[in-house]
């Protein structure tokens, strides 16, 4: 929102939410009716081409979002070395509004604009006219309109909304108040209207111009330099005809320079070009050596989880993961992305964070949860994890934390496999057991002297049971086989607190993977279920029972560039396994925590609190 919002700031269909797409329905239905009754050849091809054009623009913009976020996760060639937060993501979630507005105007023009009907596929003279009118009137008028928008009166009422994003993403380019974007649409329509009125319009020429505007807008706001220097060496005048991401980035950081739309020559003419433009371009293009202190290894979960990762759908990634009904319609795309991901031969960076002087990245193993249950995938997955660990070690990382199933006992013995293969590994492997167990133990309400432990007995479950038994809390198990397995592993002075019962009465249940619905219903009404597993329970009771999140903590404000949710966790909440790696590096601990090794839970818990991480209940 602008500092002091002016009239027509809000988009008129804001209250419609996702139903706003229905605004285009009458024209889409009309086009379908014409094609059905008159046939595809008799119907107006330009009118029918509008919907595919809008869909192409959506895909084009999404491609820029994904490419930009993948590139910036690696931090190379980054222009502004700062992070973005959820506030910016929320402000920019309506990037598709301008596509809807363009669609409405195109449909109206195709119906009522003289010369806008039954356009030919291509006319070279019309394309040339568009190019000349854009380089002339459009660029000139935009330059002075943009300078006017930076006058205090218009800036506070309109343009400040766009400049709220110091660190830009491709979609920042179209985040404007309604009135301002209408002005841009009128401005960009000048070449199109001129072509229609002169009888030189064509479908391909119009489409190229619209895609050109989208391409240049997205490129100029992507926050990493990608325009190669050889282009300007090969054709020196090009520096006056095409801007670069670093050129426009200076406008967002300096505000009073580099006003041009896409062609910087007006900034040269009117002496408003930032003097550091060339220097920043060369510096950004050269990039910097990629450094990382902590690497967190994660992986894709469900088939649709690829959209929830940070490089996926920005709005979707900024909310806790839930299965959406409309995602089922994207099954073909989801399946194709799964195949492409599966064929990818190494992990890839999906997120970059900074805390104090600590630089962190999240890398995704290109496998989904169901792959980890396939015996024939075991060796391939271990090779991918091993390759990622060796790469992190080569980059000088201090810690690699193993998230989700990357630390499964059945896969690699909680990471022990990699230590056996690389005994001189300098990077520290952390499976996060101690912090995850500490989160579970500290989630139990004060005064409870009995809990139920149910589900598969993992390393975390063993650590939790041992810690509770030492505190004289009775730990009741409902599975006799698991009870006999765990009993010998309990400390001698606390083993008597581990009990077996088929009918437990405790109203606090610690649950893990493998707990079926029938066992959950053995618990009394009002029971508090606290997961100790990496994944939330597949089924939850609808009565008065409550469910905690999987072991996690809220992160301090010093942890920056957090604008996506980690799987199903709330905003600015991270899994204990991920936080454990950060704490390990912040404290400078030299040992590993993997295999059978479990660090001192109280020590790790206190360190996490010291660095600002908090239990979710205290958010």
Foldseek 3Di string as FASTA:
>chain_A
DFQAADPQQADPCPVVPPCLVCVCVVLQVVQVVCCVPVNPVRAWVLSNCLVVLLVVLVVVLLVQLLVLLQVVLLPWLFQDPAFDAQVVLVLLQVLSVLSVVLSVVLNCCCVPQAQNTNFAADFPVLLVLLVVCCVPVLQVVQLVVLLVCLPPVNVRHWVVSLLVCLQFALSSLRRTGRVVSVVNSVSSCVSVSVCSVVNRDHNVSVSVSVVVLSVLSRQLRSRGWDDDPVVCVVPVVVQQQAPGNLQSSCCSVVVQANSTRGGSNVCVVVVRGDPCSVVSNVDSVVTDQRAAAEEEEAAAADLLCVLLFCSHNQVNQLFADDDDPVVVVVVVVSVVVLVVLVPDQEWGWRHWKDFDNHTYTYTYRSHYPVLCVDPVCLVSSVVRVLVVLVVNLVSVYQEYFYADCSQPCVRQQRVVNNCVVPVPRRHAYEPLLLQLLLLLLVVDDPPAQEEEEEEDCDLNNLVNVQVSLVVNRAYEYADPVVLVVNLVVHPPVRSVSYYYDNQDADQEYEYEPPDDPVNVVSYDAQREYEYSYSDDDPDDDPGRYHYDHRAKWAADPSIGNQRGDDHRDGGRIDHSSSVLRVLCSVVVDRHHDGNNRDDDNVVSNVSCVVSPTGRPVVD
